[in-house]
Amino acid sequence: MTSFFNGIGFLFEKVLFLPMDFFAKLELKNWWTANILTWVFILITCYFLVYWLKQLQIFKANNEDNQDTTAHSFLK
C-alpha cells in the first residue's frame, strides 16, 4: 500500500508539476515570460466578459430580458 501512495506522490511531484517547476525557474530570469499563462487566461476572461455584456445589451434592446428580483418562488 505504501508503494501505491509513493507512486501517486511521484506522479504529482515529478510528472504533473514539471511545467510548474519550469515556470518557477523561469520566473527568476523573466517575470513576464513566467506568467504568460496567467496573462493568456486574463485576456480570454476579458474577451468573454465583453462578449457577455454585449449579449446582455442585445437581449435588453429586444425586450427579451426577463428580470425577476426574486430568486425563488417561495421568496414572493
PDB file of N, CA and C in Angstrom:
ATOM      1  N   MET A   1       0.818  -1.192   0.000  1.00  0.00           N
ATOM      2  CA  MET A   1       0.000   0.000   0.000  1.00  0.00           C
ATOM      3  C   MET A   1       0.861   1.254   0.000  1.00  0.00           C
ATOM      4  N   THR A   2       2.018   1.164   0.634  1.00  0.00           N
ATOM      5  CA  THR A   2       2.924   2.310   0.675  1.00  0.00           C
ATOM      6  C   THR A   2       3.420   2.660  -0.721  1.00  0.00           C
ATOM      7  N   SER A   3       3.683   1.647  -1.526  1.00  0.00           N
ATOM      8  CA  SER A   3       4.180   1.915  -2.881  1.00  0.00           C
ATOM      9  C   SER A   3       3.114   2.602  -3.734  1.00  0.00           C
ATOM     10  N   PHE A   4       1.845   2.317  -3.458  1.00  0.00           N
ATOM     11  CA  PHE A   4       0.765   2.990  -4.181  1.00  0.00           C
ATOM     12  C   PHE A   4       0.803   4.497  -3.920  1.00  0.00           C
ATOM     13  N   PHE A   5       0.921   4.877  -2.640  1.00  0.00           N
ATOM     14  CA  PHE A   5       0.969   6.296  -2.307  1.00  0.00           C
ATOM     15  C   PHE A   5       2.274   6.940  -2.763  1.00  0.00           C
ATOM     16  N   ASN A   6       3.351   6.185  -2.740  1.00  0.00           N
ATOM     17  CA  ASN A   6       4.610   6.710  -3.288  1.00  0.00           C
ATOM     18  C   ASN A   6       4.488   6.927  -4.793  1.00  0.00           C
ATOM     19  N   GLY A   7       3.759   6.058  -5.464  1.00  0.00           N
ATOM     20  CA  GLY A   7       3.523   6.232  -6.896  1.00  0.00           C
ATOM     21  C   GLY A   7       2.704   7.478  -7.190  1.00  0.00           C
ATOM     22  N   ILE A   8       1.683   7.729  -6.381  1.00  0.00           N
ATOM     23  CA  ILE A   8       0.888   8.945  -6.540  1.00  0.00           C
ATOM     24  C   ILE A   8       1.753  10.176  -6.286  1.00  0.00           C
ATOM     25  N   GLY A   9       2.589  10.112  -5.255  1.00  0.00           N
ATOM     26  CA  GLY A   9       3.498  11.225  -4.960  1.00  0.00           C
ATOM     27  C   GLY A   9       4.462  11.474  -6.101  1.00  0.00           C
ATOM     28  N   PHE A  10       5.006  10.411  -6.678  1.00  0.00           N
ATOM     29  CA  PHE A  10       5.909  10.552  -7.820  1.00  0.00           C
ATOM     30  C   PHE A  10       5.182  11.164  -9.010  1.00  0.00           C
ATOM     31  N   LEU A  11       3.956  10.710  -9.271  1.00  0.00           N
ATOM     32  CA  LEU A  11       3.187  11.234 -10.394  1.00  0.00           C
ATOM     33  C   LEU A  11       3.000  12.742 -10.280  1.00  0.00           C
ATOM     34  N   PHE A  12       2.607  13.207  -9.103  1.00  0.00           N
ATOM     35  CA  PHE A  12       2.358  14.637  -8.946  1.00  0.00           C
ATOM     36  C   PHE A  12       3.645  15.451  -8.877  1.00  0.00           C
ATOM     37  N   GLU A  13       4.648  14.980  -8.159  1.00  0.00           N
ATOM     38  CA  GLU A  13       5.863  15.766  -7.958  1.00  0.00           C
ATOM     39  C   GLU A  13       6.771  15.776  -9.182  1.00  0.00           C
ATOM     40  N   LYS A  14       6.905  14.655  -9.850  1.00  0.00           N
ATOM     41  CA  LYS A  14       7.887  14.552 -10.938  1.00  0.00           C
ATOM     42  C   LYS A  14       7.283  14.663 -12.329  1.00  0.00           C
ATOM     43  N   VAL A  15       5.996  14.401 -12.481  1.00  0.00           N
ATOM     44  CA  VAL A  15       5.402  14.392 -13.823  1.00  0.00           C
ATOM     45  C   VAL A  15       4.458  15.571 -14.022  1.00  0.00           C
ATOM     46  N   LEU A  16       3.405  15.646 -13.199  1.00  0.00           N
ATOM     47  CA  LEU A  16       2.366  16.645 -13.425  1.00  0.00           C
ATOM     48  C   LEU A  16       2.808  18.061 -13.058  1.00  0.00           C
ATOM     49  N   PHE A  17       3.726  18.211 -12.111  1.00  0.00           N
ATOM     50  CA  PHE A  17       4.185  19.549 -11.723  1.00  0.00           C
ATOM     51  C   PHE A  17       5.425  19.979 -12.497  1.00  0.00           C
ATOM     52  N   LEU A  18       5.847  19.211 -13.483  1.00  0.00           N
ATOM     53  CA  LEU A  18       7.026  19.560 -14.261  1.00  0.00           C
ATOM     54  C   LEU A  18       6.884  20.910 -14.961  1.00  0.00           C
ATOM     55  N   PRO A  19       5.734  21.218 -15.599  1.00  0.00           N
ATOM     56  CA  PRO A  19       5.611  22.564 -16.190  1.00  0.00           C
ATOM     57  C   PRO A  19       5.665  23.682 -15.150  1.00  0.00           C
ATOM     58  N   MET A  20       5.111  23.447 -13.965  1.00  0.00           N
ATOM     59  CA  MET A  20       5.149  24.475 -12.928  1.00  0.00           C
ATOM     60  C   MET A  20       6.564  24.689 -12.406  1.00  0.00           C
ATOM     61  N   ASP A  21       7.357  23.618 -12.333  1.00  0.00           N
ATOM     62  CA  ASP A  21       8.763  23.767 -11.949  1.00  0.00           C
ATOM     63  C   ASP A  21       9.512  24.585 -12.996  1.00  0.00           C
ATOM     64  N   PHE A  22       9.199  24.357 -14.270  1.00  0.00           N
ATOM     65  CA  PHE A  22       9.819  25.120 -15.345  1.00  0.00           C
ATOM     66  C   PHE A  22       9.501  26.607 -15.202  1.00  0.00           C
ATOM     67  N   PHE A  23       8.230  26.935 -14.945  1.00  0.00           N
ATOM     68  CA  PHE A  23       7.840  28.336 -14.794  1.00  0.00           C
ATOM     69  C   PHE A  23       8.434  28.953 -13.526  1.00  0.00           C
ATOM     70  N   ALA A  24       8.594  28.174 -12.477  1.00  0.00           N
ATOM     71  CA  ALA A  24       9.198  28.693 -11.239  1.00  0.00           C
ATOM     72  C   ALA A  24      10.654  29.059 -11.472  1.00  0.00           C
ATOM     73  N   LYS A  25      11.384  28.246 -12.232  1.00  0.00           N
ATOM     74  CA  LYS A  25      12.780  28.564 -12.554  1.00  0.00           C
ATOM     75  C   LYS A  25      12.862  29.722 -13.542  1.00  0.00           C
ATOM     76  N   LEU A  26      11.917  29.783 -14.452  1.00  0.00           N
ATOM     77  CA  LEU A  26      11.899  30.850 -15.443  1.00  0.00           C
ATOM     78  C   LEU A  26      11.599  32.199 -14.809  1.00  0.00           C
ATOM     79  N   GLU A  27      10.841  32.197 -13.713  1.00  0.00           N
ATOM     80  CA  GLU A  27      10.476  33.450 -13.050  1.00  0.00           C
ATOM     81  C   GLU A  27      11.700  34.197 -12.534  1.00  0.00           C
ATOM     82  N   LEU A  28      12.738  33.475 -12.187  1.00  0.00           N
ATOM     83  CA  LEU A  28      13.949  34.120 -11.703  1.00  0.00           C
ATOM     84  C   LEU A  28      14.650  34.891 -12.816  1.00  0.00           C
ATOM     85  N   LYS A  29      14.409  34.496 -14.066  1.00  0.00           N
ATOM     86  CA  LYS A  29      15.039  35.176 -15.203  1.00  0.00           C
ATOM     87  C   LYS A  29      14.154  36.291 -15.748  1.00  0.00           C
ATOM     88  N   ASN A  30      12.880  35.987 -15.982  1.00  0.00           N
ATOM     89  CA  ASN A  30      11.984  36.968 -16.576  1.00  0.00           C
ATOM     90  C   ASN A  30      10.569  36.735 -16.038  1.00  0.00           C
ATOM     91  N   TRP A  31      10.068  37.695 -15.265  1.00  0.00           N
ATOM     92  CA  TRP A  31       8.759  37.556 -14.632  1.00  0.00           C
ATOM     93  C   TRP A  31       7.644  37.538 -15.662  1.00  0.00           C
ATOM     94  N   TRP A  32       7.720  38.366 -16.703  1.00  0.00           N
ATOM     95  CA  TRP A  32       6.662  38.459 -17.711  1.00  0.00           C
ATOM     96  C   TRP A  32       6.503  37.150 -18.464  1.00  0.00           C
ATOM     97  N   THR A  33       7.598  36.532 -18.829  1.00  0.00           N
ATOM     98  CA  THR A  33       7.524  35.266 -19.556  1.00  0.00           C
ATOM     99  C   THR A  33       6.999  34.145 -18.664  1.00  0.00           C
ATOM    100  N   ALA A  34       7.386  34.152 -17.416  1.00  0.00           N
ATOM    101  CA  ALA A  34       6.952  33.106 -16.495  1.00  0.00           C
ATOM    102  C   ALA A  34       5.450  33.165 -16.251  1.00  0.00           C
ATOM    103  N   ASN A  35       4.872  34.333 -16.368  1.00  0.00           N
ATOM    104  CA  ASN A  35       3.445  34.489 -16.103  1.00  0.00           C
ATOM    105  C   ASN A  35       2.619  34.575 -17.379  1.00  0.00           C
ATOM    106  N   ILE A  36       3.132  34.036 -18.462  1.00  0.00           N
ATOM    107  CA  ILE A  36       2.430  34.105 -19.751  1.00  0.00           C
ATOM    108  C   ILE A  36       1.087  33.378 -19.683  1.00  0.00           C
ATOM    109  N   LEU A  37       1.016  32.276 -18.971  1.00  0.00           N
ATOM    110  CA  LEU A  37      -0.263  31.564 -18.847  1.00  0.00           C
ATOM    111  C   LEU A  37      -1.298  32.414 -18.127  1.00  0.00           C
ATOM    112  N   THR A  38      -0.863  33.115 -17.107  1.00  0.00           N
ATOM    113  CA  THR A  38      -1.773  33.993 -16.382  1.00  0.00           C
ATOM    114  C   THR A  38      -2.299  35.085 -17.296  1.00  0.00           C
ATOM    115  N   TRP A  39      -1.408  35.682 -18.094  1.00  0.00           N
ATOM    116  CA  TRP A  39      -1.823  36.752 -18.997  1.00  0.00           C
ATOM    117  C   TRP A  39      -2.773  36.232 -20.071  1.00  0.00           C
ATOM    118  N   VAL A  40      -2.529  35.035 -20.554  1.00  0.00           N
ATOM    119  CA  VAL A  40      -3.425  34.453 -21.560  1.00  0.00           C
ATOM    120  C   VAL A  40      -4.815  34.249 -20.974  1.00  0.00           C
ATOM    121  N   PHE A  41      -4.896  33.705 -19.759  1.00  0.00           N
ATOM    122  CA  PHE A  41      -6.198  33.488 -19.134  1.00  0.00           C
ATOM    123  C   PHE A  41      -6.898  34.799 -18.807  1.00  0.00           C
ATOM    124  N   ILE A  42      -6.147  35.823 -18.439  1.00  0.00           N
ATOM    125  CA  ILE A  42      -6.747  37.132 -18.182  1.00  0.00           C
ATOM    126  C   ILE A  42      -7.323  37.703 -19.471  1.00  0.00           C
ATOM    127  N   LEU A  43      -6.597  37.583 -20.576  1.00  0.00           N
ATOM    128  CA  LEU A  43      -7.100  38.086 -21.859  1.00  0.00           C
ATOM    129  C   LEU A  43      -8.342  37.326 -22.321  1.00  0.00           C
ATOM    130  N   ILE A  44      -8.339  36.014 -22.148  1.00  0.00           N
ATOM    131  CA  ILE A  44      -9.510  35.214 -22.518  1.00  0.00           C
ATOM    132  C   ILE A  44     -10.715  35.621 -21.670  1.00  0.00           C
ATOM    133  N   THR A  45     -10.503  35.807 -20.384  1.00  0.00           N
ATOM    134  CA  THR A  45     -11.592  36.209 -19.497  1.00  0.00           C
ATOM    135  C   THR A  45     -12.141  37.580 -19.875  1.00  0.00           C
ATOM    136  N   CYS A  46     -11.255  38.517 -20.186  1.00  0.00           N
ATOM    137  CA  CYS A  46     -11.705  39.859 -20.596  1.00  0.00           C
ATOM    138  C   CYS A  46     -12.503  39.794 -21.884  1.00  0.00           C
ATOM    139  N   TYR A  47     -12.058  38.994 -22.843  1.00  0.00           N
ATOM    140  CA  TYR A  47     -12.775  38.867 -24.111  1.00  0.00           C
ATOM    141  C   TYR A  47     -14.196  38.352 -23.884  1.00  0.00           C
ATOM    142  N   PHE A  48     -14.335  37.286 -23.112  1.00  0.00           N
ATOM    143  CA  PHE A  48     -15.658  36.706 -22.900  1.00  0.00           C
ATOM    144  C   PHE A  48     -16.529  37.574 -21.999  1.00  0.00           C
ATOM    145  N   LEU A  49     -15.929  38.367 -21.125  1.00  0.00           N
ATOM    146  CA  LEU A  49     -16.708  39.311 -20.339  1.00  0.00           C
ATOM    147  C   LEU A  49     -17.330  40.368 -21.244  1.00  0.00           C
ATOM    148  N   VAL A  50     -16.545  40.894 -22.183  1.00  0.00           N
ATOM    149  CA  VAL A  50     -17.072  41.877 -23.136  1.00  0.00           C
ATOM    150  C   VAL A  50     -18.138  41.242 -24.019  1.00  0.00           C
ATOM    151  N   TYR A  51     -17.901  40.016 -24.472  1.00  0.00           N
ATOM    152  CA  TYR A  51     -18.896  39.306 -25.289  1.00  0.00           C
ATOM    153  C   TYR A  51     -20.206  39.135 -24.523  1.00  0.00           C
ATOM    154  N   TRP A  52     -20.104  38.739 -23.268  1.00  0.00           N
ATOM    155  CA  TRP A  52     -21.288  38.516 -22.443  1.00  0.00           C
ATOM    156  C   TRP A  52     -22.065  39.816 -22.238  1.00  0.00           C
ATOM    157  N   LEU A  53     -21.347  40.913 -21.977  1.00  0.00           N
ATOM    158  CA  LEU A  53     -22.021  42.196 -21.786  1.00  0.00           C
ATOM    159  C   LEU A  53     -22.706  42.657 -23.068  1.00  0.00           C
ATOM    160  N   LYS A  54     -22.098  42.414 -24.221  1.00  0.00           N
ATOM    161  CA  LYS A  54     -22.742  42.765 -25.492  1.00  0.00           C
ATOM    162  C   LYS A  54     -24.005  41.934 -25.710  1.00  0.00           C
ATOM    163  N   GLN A  55     -23.968  40.671 -25.353  1.00  0.00           N
ATOM    164  CA  GLN A  55     -25.148  39.829 -25.483  1.00  0.00           C
ATOM    165  C   GLN A  55     -26.261  40.304 -24.551  1.00  0.00           C
ATOM    166  N   LEU A  56     -25.923  40.732 -23.352  1.00  0.00           N
ATOM    167  CA  LEU A  56     -26.921  41.269 -22.435  1.00  0.00           C
ATOM    168  C   LEU A  56     -27.571  42.523 -23.017  1.00  0.00           C
ATOM    169  N   GLN A  57     -26.770  43.368 -23.662  1.00  0.00           N
ATOM    170  CA  GLN A  57     -27.328  44.568 -24.284  1.00  0.00           C
ATOM    171  C   GLN A  57     -28.268  44.217 -25.430  1.00  0.00           C
ATOM    172  N   ILE A  58     -27.932  43.202 -26.202  1.00  0.00           N
ATOM    173  CA  ILE A  58     -28.785  42.776 -27.314  1.00  0.00           C
ATOM    174  C   ILE A  58     -30.129  42.284 -26.787  1.00  0.00           C
ATOM    175  N   PHE A  59     -30.119  41.463 -25.763  1.00  0.00           N
ATOM    176  CA  PHE A  59     -31.372  40.946 -25.203  1.00  0.00           C
ATOM    177  C   PHE A  59     -32.194  42.058 -24.567  1.00  0.00           C
ATOM    178  N   LYS A  60     -31.523  43.016 -23.940  1.00  0.00           N
ATOM    179  CA  LYS A  60     -32.249  44.119 -23.322  1.00  0.00           C
ATOM    180  C   LYS A  60     -32.872  45.014 -24.389  1.00  0.00           C
ATOM    181  N   ALA A  61     -32.181  45.224 -25.510  1.00  0.00           N
ATOM    182  CA  ALA A  61     -32.717  46.064 -26.590  1.00  0.00           C
ATOM    183  C   ALA A  61     -33.926  45.417 -27.252  1.00  0.00           C
ATOM    184  N   ASN A  62     -33.981  44.085 -27.304  1.00  0.00           N
ATOM    185  CA  ASN A  62     -35.100  43.365 -27.912  1.00  0.00           C
ATOM    186  C   ASN A  62     -36.228  43.086 -26.917  1.00  0.00           C
ATOM    187  N   ASN A  63     -36.107  43.598 -25.709  1.00  0.00           N
ATOM    188  CA  ASN A  63     -37.070  43.350 -24.630  1.00  0.00           C
ATOM    189  C   ASN A  63     -37.264  41.857 -24.350  1.00  0.00           C
ATOM    190  N   GLU A  64     -36.233  41.082 -24.528  1.00  0.00           N
ATOM    191  CA  GLU A  64     -36.264  39.654 -24.204  1.00  0.00           C
ATOM    192  C   GLU A  64     -35.681  39.386 -22.817  1.00  0.00           C
ATOM    193  N   ASP A  65     -35.241  40.439 -22.160  1.00  0.00           N
ATOM    194  CA  ASP A  65     -34.614  40.315 -20.860  1.00  0.00           C
ATOM    195  C   ASP A  65     -35.684  40.231 -19.786  1.00  0.00           C
ATOM    196  N   ASN A  66     -35.815  39.090 -19.163  1.00  0.00           N
ATOM    197  CA  ASN A  66     -36.811  38.883 -18.117  1.00  0.00           C
ATOM    198  C   ASN A  66     -36.109  38.957 -16.769  1.00  0.00           C
ATOM    199  N   GLN A  67     -36.186  40.109 -16.128  1.00  0.00           N
ATOM    200  CA  GLN A  67     -35.527  40.292 -14.841  1.00  0.00           C
ATOM    201  C   GLN A  67     -36.544  40.122 -13.718  1.00  0.00           C
ATOM    202  N   ASP A  68     -36.328  39.116 -12.916  1.00  0.00           N
ATOM    203  CA  ASP A  68     -37.170  38.881 -11.752  1.00  0.00           C
ATOM    204  C   ASP A  68     -36.287  39.050 -10.517  1.00  0.00           C
ATOM    205  N   THR A  69     -36.661  39.935  -9.642  1.00  0.00           N
ATOM    206  CA  THR A  69     -35.800  40.238  -8.498  1.00  0.00           C
ATOM    207  C   THR A  69     -35.778  39.134  -7.448  1.00  0.00           C
ATOM    208  N   THR A  70     -36.747  38.229  -7.487  1.00  0.00           N
ATOM    209  CA  THR A  70     -36.744  37.132  -6.518  1.00  0.00           C
ATOM    210  C   THR A  70     -36.118  35.896  -7.167  1.00  0.00           C
ATOM    211  N   ALA A  71     -35.284  35.257  -6.435  1.00  0.00           N
ATOM    212  CA  ALA A  71     -34.577  34.105  -6.969  1.00  0.00           C
ATOM    213  C   ALA A  71     -35.448  32.852  -6.982  1.00  0.00           C
ATOM    214  N   HIS A  72     -36.373  32.753  -6.016  1.00  0.00           N
ATOM    215  CA  HIS A  72     -37.215  31.568  -5.912  1.00  0.00           C
ATOM    216  C   HIS A  72     -38.664  31.994  -5.688  1.00  0.00           C
ATOM    217  N   SER A  73     -39.554  31.109  -6.060  1.00  0.00           N
ATOM    218  CA  SER A  73     -40.968  31.445  -5.919  1.00  0.00           C
ATOM    219  C   SER A  73     -41.394  31.569  -4.464  1.00  0.00           C
ATOM    220  N   PHE A  74     -40.716  30.897  -3.559  1.00  0.00           N
ATOM    221  CA  PHE A  74     -41.119  30.992  -2.157  1.00  0.00           C
ATOM    222  C   PHE A  74     -40.682  32.303  -1.508  1.00  0.00           C
ATOM    223  N   LEU A  75     -39.895  33.138  -2.211  1.00  0.00           N
ATOM    224  CA  LEU A  75     -39.494  34.425  -1.668  1.00  0.00           C
ATOM    225  C   LEU A  75     -40.522  35.514  -1.975  1.00  0.00           C
ATOM    226  N   LYS A  76     -41.504  35.241  -2.812  1.00  0.00           N
ATOM    227  CA  LYS A  76     -42.501  36.238  -3.194  1.00  0.00           C
ATOM    228  C   LYS A  76     -43.503  36.453  -2.089  1.00  0.00           C
TER     229      LYS A  76
END
